[in-house]
Protein backbone atom coordinates (compact mmCIF):
# COMPACT_ATOMS: atom_id res chain seq x y z
CA MET A 1 -28.48 16.60 -26.03
CA ASN A 2 -26.78 17.63 -28.64
CA LYS A 3 -24.18 15.65 -30.76
CA ILE A 4 -20.79 17.44 -30.14
CA LYS A 5 -21.74 17.50 -26.31
CA LYS A 6 -22.75 13.44 -26.78
CA GLN A 7 -19.04 13.53 -28.39
CA LYS A 8 -17.21 15.50 -25.60
CA LEU A 9 -19.15 13.40 -22.97
CA THR A 10 -18.62 10.16 -24.84
CA ASN A 11 -14.78 11.14 -24.87
CA THR A 12 -14.20 12.28 -21.69
CA ILE A 13 -15.55 8.51 -20.40
CA THR A 14 -13.30 6.87 -22.73
CA ALA A 15 -10.29 8.90 -21.20
CA VAL A 16 -11.55 7.74 -17.68
CA VAL A 17 -11.69 4.45 -18.29
CA ALA A 18 -8.40 4.45 -19.72
CA ILE A 19 -6.43 6.20 -17.29
CA ILE A 20 -8.16 3.41 -14.45
CA LEU A 21 -7.00 0.73 -17.24
CA ALA A 22 -3.81 1.76 -17.45
CA ILE A 23 -3.25 2.30 -13.24
CA ILE A 24 -4.27 -1.24 -13.51
CA PHE A 25 -2.59 -2.76 -16.03
CA LEU A 26 0.92 -0.94 -15.12
CA THR A 27 0.76 -1.57 -11.58
CA PRO A 28 2.55 -4.95 -10.77
CA SER A 29 -0.12 -6.76 -9.49
CA LYS A 30 1.79 -8.38 -6.91
CA LEU A 31 2.36 -4.85 -4.99
CA LEU A 32 -1.49 -3.82 -5.57
CA ALA A 33 -1.81 -4.66 -2.24
CA HIS A 34 0.81 -5.49 0.26
CA ASN A 35 0.34 -8.08 3.07
CA LEU A 36 3.48 -9.53 4.71
CA SER A 37 2.71 -13.44 3.92
CA SER A 38 2.54 -12.52 0.13
CA ALA A 39 5.30 -10.38 -0.05
CA LYS A 40 7.47 -13.04 1.39
CA SER A 41 5.92 -16.03 -0.41
CA ASN A 42 6.51 -13.79 -3.65
CA GLY A 43 10.44 -13.55 -3.19
CA LEU A 44 9.97 -9.67 -2.33
CA VAL A 45 11.10 -9.92 0.88
CA GLY A 46 13.11 -11.92 3.37
CA GLU A 47 14.50 -11.99 7.29
CA THR A 48 17.61 -11.07 8.08
CA ASP A 49 19.59 -11.92 11.08
CA SER A 50 19.31 -8.76 11.97
CA GLY A 51 15.72 -9.29 13.61
CA TYR A 52 14.27 -6.68 10.50
CA LEU A 53 13.19 -7.34 7.07
CA ALA A 54 15.04 -6.62 3.81
CA VAL A 55 13.75 -5.93 0.36
CA VAL A 56 15.11 -8.98 -1.89
CA ASP A 57 16.03 -7.12 -4.82
CA SER A 58 13.53 -4.05 -5.91
CA ASN A 59 13.86 -0.59 -5.65
CA ASP A 60 9.87 -0.28 -5.76
CA SER A 61 9.10 2.50 -3.12
CA SER A 62 5.76 1.34 -2.01
CA LEU A 63 7.68 -2.10 -1.55
CA VAL A 64 10.23 -0.12 0.14
CA ASN A 65 7.72 1.94 2.39
CA PHE A 66 6.09 -0.77 3.36
CA VAL A 67 9.08 -2.70 5.00
CA LYS A 68 10.28 0.66 6.11
CA GLY A 69 6.98 0.92 8.03
CA ILE A 70 6.74 -3.20 9.75
CA ASN A 71 10.66 -2.66 10.50
CA GLU A 72 9.90 0.96 12.66
CA LYS A 73 7.18 -1.27 14.69
CA ARG A 74 9.44 -3.95 15.33
CA ARG A 75 12.15 -1.44 16.52
CA LEU A 76 10.30 0.07 19.00
CA ARG A 77 8.80 -3.78 20.27
CA TYR A 78 12.38 -4.43 19.94
CA GLN A 79 13.88 -1.27 22.52
CA GLU A 80 10.64 -2.01 24.88
CA ILE A 81 11.44 -6.13 25.15
CA ALA A 82 14.74 -4.79 25.54
CA ASN A 83 13.91 -1.93 28.33
CA LYS A 84 11.77 -4.29 30.41
CA ASN A 85 14.73 -6.90 30.71
CA GLY A 86 17.31 -4.82 30.76
CA VAL A 87 19.36 -5.95 28.33
CA SER A 88 20.60 -3.94 25.04
CA LEU A 89 18.46 -3.55 21.68
CA ASN A 90 20.72 -5.10 19.64
CA THR A 91 20.53 -7.88 22.13
CA VAL A 92 16.76 -8.53 21.27
CA GLU A 93 17.19 -7.87 17.77
CA GLN A 94 19.60 -11.00 17.13
CA GLN A 95 17.46 -12.89 19.00
CA ALA A 96 14.09 -12.01 16.76
CA GLY A 97 16.31 -12.46 14.05
CA GLY A 98 16.82 -16.21 14.90
CA LYS A 99 13.64 -17.02 15.91
CA LEU A 100 12.54 -15.52 12.80
CA ILE A 101 14.73 -17.12 10.34
CA ARG A 102 13.62 -20.70 12.22
CA LYS A 103 10.19 -19.98 10.97
CA ILE A 104 10.73 -19.01 7.92
CA SER A 105 8.56 -20.69 5.33
CA ASP A 106 9.73 -23.15 2.56
CA GLY A 107 10.69 -20.60 -0.75
CA GLU A 108 11.21 -17.69 1.48
CA TYR A 109 14.31 -15.56 1.06
CA VAL A 110 16.85 -15.13 4.70
CA ARG A 111 19.94 -13.00 4.89
CA ILE A 112 22.20 -14.03 6.66
CA SER A 113 25.70 -11.98 7.10
CA GLY A 114 24.33 -9.99 4.04
CA LYS A 115 23.99 -13.41 1.31
CA TRP A 116 20.49 -13.90 0.39
CA LYS A 117 19.31 -17.92 0.36
CA ARG A 118 16.14 -19.17 -0.09
CA LYS A 119 14.79 -21.61 2.21
């Protein structure tokens, strides 16, 4: 392989490695693998008295979408429970919110009446 081709290959490999490293180091580690438990324990999300999760203090789109996905599943489940028991969705949401708030661990956030508190 001639010297110019070797140099181009080296430059290409260097560029790819630089891009990979930039992605790794510029993406906050707490957002690399969202899971509910770690998001709660890291103070990224918290339970609310409405029975749904909320982002504590971030505009990160991946975190917002993560919470949105969980809340969509919760709303569907709450609606099933409401239909089965002949009660309103709001009733189920409020009951679920109370149960979830009672179950949070120390250090996690909870939003009651619009105000965040850390347990």
